[in-house]
């Protein structure tokens, strides 16, 4: 409930151009994997793809995983060699789509925090791969912007084997002026 409410509120991030794909105007998508789905994805990553990075461990331990993607625009198929003006417009619109999607991610992180829910933002690492997109049935026309690992406080209490949580690597590198 807290994850869904947070995604819904985060969806009020501004955007300038409708993507109009599948009847959805926003340039982002939030793919939610609940605990059992995240654990299955972790198992697939470890056993089938032989992935040894931290993403499978994070996915196996989280209460939910939200993969936020954005939908870039490309030239029309009949534009074999698009003009520089067309390319410039596509680049400009994609910058807008990416900025709007990043605002959605920030809103989502703030909402989770406001609900007292632990969260960890990752760029997604191995979740970006074609194999994972196919496994999760995410269109390969989408681009992964964020993998948000969510931990409900009550789940942390249940898992007594959890290691002490570490702050993000850049937390102490912020400007103090």
Protein backbone atom coordinates (compact mmCIF):
# COMPACT_ATOMS: atom_id res chain seq x y z
CA UNK A 1 0.00 0.00 0.00
CA UNK A 2 2.79 2.46 0.88
CA UNK A 3 4.67 1.67 -2.32
CA UNK A 4 1.58 2.10 -4.49
CA UNK A 5 0.62 5.34 -2.75
CA UNK A 6 4.16 6.63 -3.21
CA UNK A 7 4.21 5.74 -6.92
CA UNK A 8 0.85 7.44 -7.37
CA UNK A 9 2.00 10.63 -5.66
CA UNK A 10 5.34 10.58 -7.49
CA UNK A 11 3.44 10.42 -10.75
CA UNK A 12 2.46 14.07 -10.31
CA UNK A 13 5.95 15.07 -11.46
CA UNK A 14 5.73 17.56 -14.33
CA UNK A 15 6.44 16.60 -17.92
CA UNK A 16 6.33 18.60 -21.12
CA UNK A 17 5.63 16.10 -23.88
CA UNK A 18 3.15 13.26 -23.95
CA UNK A 19 4.63 9.92 -24.86
CA UNK A 20 1.12 8.59 -25.60
CA UNK A 21 2.23 4.96 -25.51
CA UNK A 22 -0.41 2.43 -24.42
CA UNK A 23 -2.68 5.34 -23.53
CA UNK A 24 -0.22 6.65 -20.92
CA UNK A 25 1.06 10.20 -21.39
CA UNK A 26 3.93 10.15 -18.87
CA UNK A 27 7.44 9.50 -20.19
CA UNK A 28 8.18 7.05 -17.35
CA UNK A 29 6.94 3.68 -16.18
CA UNK A 30 7.15 2.14 -12.70
CA UNK A 31 7.50 -1.63 -12.73
CA UNK A 32 6.82 -2.99 -9.24
CA UNK A 33 8.23 -6.30 -8.13
CA UNK A 34 6.81 -7.40 -4.82
CA UNK A 35 8.92 -9.45 -2.42
CA UNK A 36 8.38 -12.87 -4.04
CA UNK A 37 8.86 -11.43 -7.56
CA UNK A 38 12.07 -9.67 -6.50
CA UNK A 39 13.35 -12.90 -4.93
CA UNK A 40 12.51 -14.85 -8.11
CA UNK A 41 14.33 -12.22 -10.18
CA UNK A 42 17.34 -12.50 -7.85
CA UNK A 43 17.33 -16.28 -8.22
CA UNK A 44 17.13 -15.98 -12.02
CA UNK A 45 20.03 -13.51 -12.03
CA UNK A 46 22.19 -15.75 -9.85
CA UNK A 47 21.34 -19.17 -11.26
CA UNK A 48 20.53 -18.55 -14.93
CA UNK A 49 22.64 -15.49 -15.70
CA UNK A 50 25.46 -16.23 -13.23
CA UNK A 51 25.45 -12.62 -12.01
CA UNK A 52 27.71 -12.10 -9.00
CA UNK A 53 27.17 -8.36 -8.41
CA UNK A 54 25.18 -6.86 -5.53
CA UNK A 55 21.87 -6.48 -7.42
CA UNK A 56 20.68 -10.08 -6.84
CA UNK A 57 21.50 -9.82 -3.13
CA UNK A 58 19.64 -6.52 -2.82
CA UNK A 59 16.63 -7.89 -4.72
CA UNK A 60 16.52 -11.03 -2.58
CA UNK A 61 16.46 -8.98 0.63
CA UNK A 62 14.01 -6.19 -0.24
CA UNK A 63 10.31 -5.84 0.55
CA UNK A 64 9.69 -4.53 -2.97
CA UNK A 65 11.71 -3.40 -5.95
CA UNK A 66 10.53 -0.59 -8.21
CA UNK A 67 12.22 -0.32 -11.58
CA UNK A 68 11.60 3.12 -13.05
CA UNK A 69 12.13 3.37 -16.78
CA UNK A 70 11.83 6.21 -19.25
CA UNK A 71 10.74 6.11 -22.87
CA UNK A 72 13.10 7.82 -25.30
CA UNK A 73 11.94 8.99 -28.68
CA UNK A 74 13.64 7.93 -31.87
CA UNK A 75 13.27 9.10 -35.43
CA UNK A 76 10.34 7.78 -37.44
CA UNK A 77 11.11 4.55 -39.35
CA UNK A 78 10.74 6.35 -42.69
CA UNK A 79 13.50 8.80 -41.71
CA UNK A 80 16.41 6.74 -42.99
CA UNK A 81 18.79 9.66 -42.56
CA UNK A 82 17.13 12.23 -40.31
CA UNK A 83 18.11 15.85 -40.73
CA UNK A 84 20.19 17.55 -38.06
CA UNK A 85 17.10 19.60 -37.11
CA UNK A 86 15.11 16.39 -36.54
CA UNK A 87 17.95 14.84 -34.54
CA UNK A 88 18.25 18.04 -32.47
CA UNK A 89 14.53 17.99 -31.69
CA UNK A 90 14.66 14.32 -30.66
CA UNK A 91 17.64 15.01 -28.37
CA UNK A 92 15.83 18.00 -26.84
CA UNK A 93 12.65 16.02 -26.22
CA UNK A 94 14.60 13.10 -24.75
CA UNK A 95 16.35 15.46 -22.34
CA UNK A 96 12.88 16.65 -21.26
CA UNK A 97 11.63 13.05 -20.88
CA UNK A 98 14.68 12.08 -18.82
CA UNK A 99 14.45 15.17 -16.59
CA UNK A 100 10.74 14.55 -15.96
CA UNK A 101 11.41 10.89 -15.17
CA UNK A 102 14.16 11.87 -12.74
CA UNK A 103 11.71 14.25 -11.01
CA UNK A 104 9.31 11.32 -10.67
CA UNK A 105 12.08 9.22 -9.06
CA UNK A 106 12.90 12.03 -6.61
CA UNK A 107 9.23 12.39 -5.69
CA UNK A 108 9.03 8.62 -5.18
CA UNK A 109 12.06 8.57 -2.87
CA UNK A 110 10.66 11.49 -0.85
CA UNK A 111 7.26 9.82 -0.54
CA UNK A 112 8.78 6.53 0.63
CA UNK A 113 10.81 8.42 3.22
CA UNK A 114 7.71 10.34 4.35
CA UNK A 115 5.93 7.00 4.81
CA UNK A 116 8.81 5.78 7.00
CA UNK A 117 9.89 3.23 4.41
CA UNK A 118 13.58 2.51 3.86
CA UNK A 119 14.85 2.88 0.32
CA UNK A 120 18.00 2.57 -1.70
CA UNK A 121 18.36 4.09 -5.15
CA UNK A 122 20.54 2.28 -7.64
CA UNK A 123 21.12 2.91 -11.32
CA UNK A 124 20.11 -0.72 -11.76
CA UNK A 125 23.34 -2.35 -12.83
CA UNK A 126 22.55 -5.79 -14.22
CA UNK A 127 18.80 -5.07 -14.20
CA UNK A 128 19.50 -2.98 -17.34
CA UNK A 129 20.40 -6.01 -19.40
CA UNK A 130 18.27 -7.32 -22.24
CA UNK A 131 17.93 -10.68 -20.48
CA UNK A 132 16.43 -9.07 -17.39
CA UNK A 133 14.07 -6.88 -19.41
CA UNK A 134 12.85 -9.99 -21.25
CA UNK A 135 12.52 -11.95 -17.99
CA UNK A 136 10.53 -9.12 -16.40
CA UNK A 137 8.52 -8.49 -19.59
CA UNK A 138 9.65 -4.86 -19.84
CA UNK A 139 9.73 -3.45 -23.34
CA UNK A 140 13.26 -3.07 -24.66
CA UNK A 141 12.22 0.35 -25.99
CA UNK A 142 12.31 1.54 -22.37
CA UNK A 143 15.52 2.57 -20.60
CA UNK A 144 16.14 1.86 -16.94
CA UNK A 145 16.61 5.03 -14.91
CA UNK A 146 16.41 3.72 -11.36
CA UNK A 147 16.11 0.54 -9.35
CA UNK A 148 14.59 1.47 -6.00
CA UNK A 149 15.00 -1.22 -3.36
CA UNK A 150 12.28 -0.77 -0.74
CA UNK A 151 12.37 -2.08 2.82
CA UNK A 152 9.40 -1.92 5.12
CA UNK A 153 10.45 -1.33 8.74
CA UNK A 154 8.54 -4.41 9.88
CA UNK A 155 10.44 -6.56 7.36
CA UNK A 156 13.78 -5.33 8.66
CA UNK A 157 12.77 -6.41 12.16
CA UNK A 158 11.88 -9.91 10.86
CA UNK A 159 15.25 -10.42 9.20
CA UNK A 160 17.60 -10.66 12.16
CA UNK A 161 20.46 -11.71 9.85
CA UNK A 162 20.58 -8.30 8.18
CA UNK A 163 23.90 -6.54 8.30
CA UNK A 164 24.02 -2.99 9.57
CA UNK A 165 22.75 -0.61 6.91
CA UNK A 166 25.31 1.67 5.30
CA UNK A 167 24.57 5.17 4.01
CA UNK A 168 25.04 5.90 0.31
CA UNK A 169 28.62 6.46 -0.80
CA UNK A 170 28.00 10.13 -1.65
CA UNK A 171 26.01 11.06 1.46
CA UNK A 172 28.94 12.81 3.16
CA UNK A 173 30.23 14.47 -0.02
CA UNK A 174 27.54 17.14 -0.17
CA UNK A 175 28.33 20.83 -0.29
CA UNK A 176 28.27 22.32 3.19
CA UNK A 177 28.10 26.00 2.16
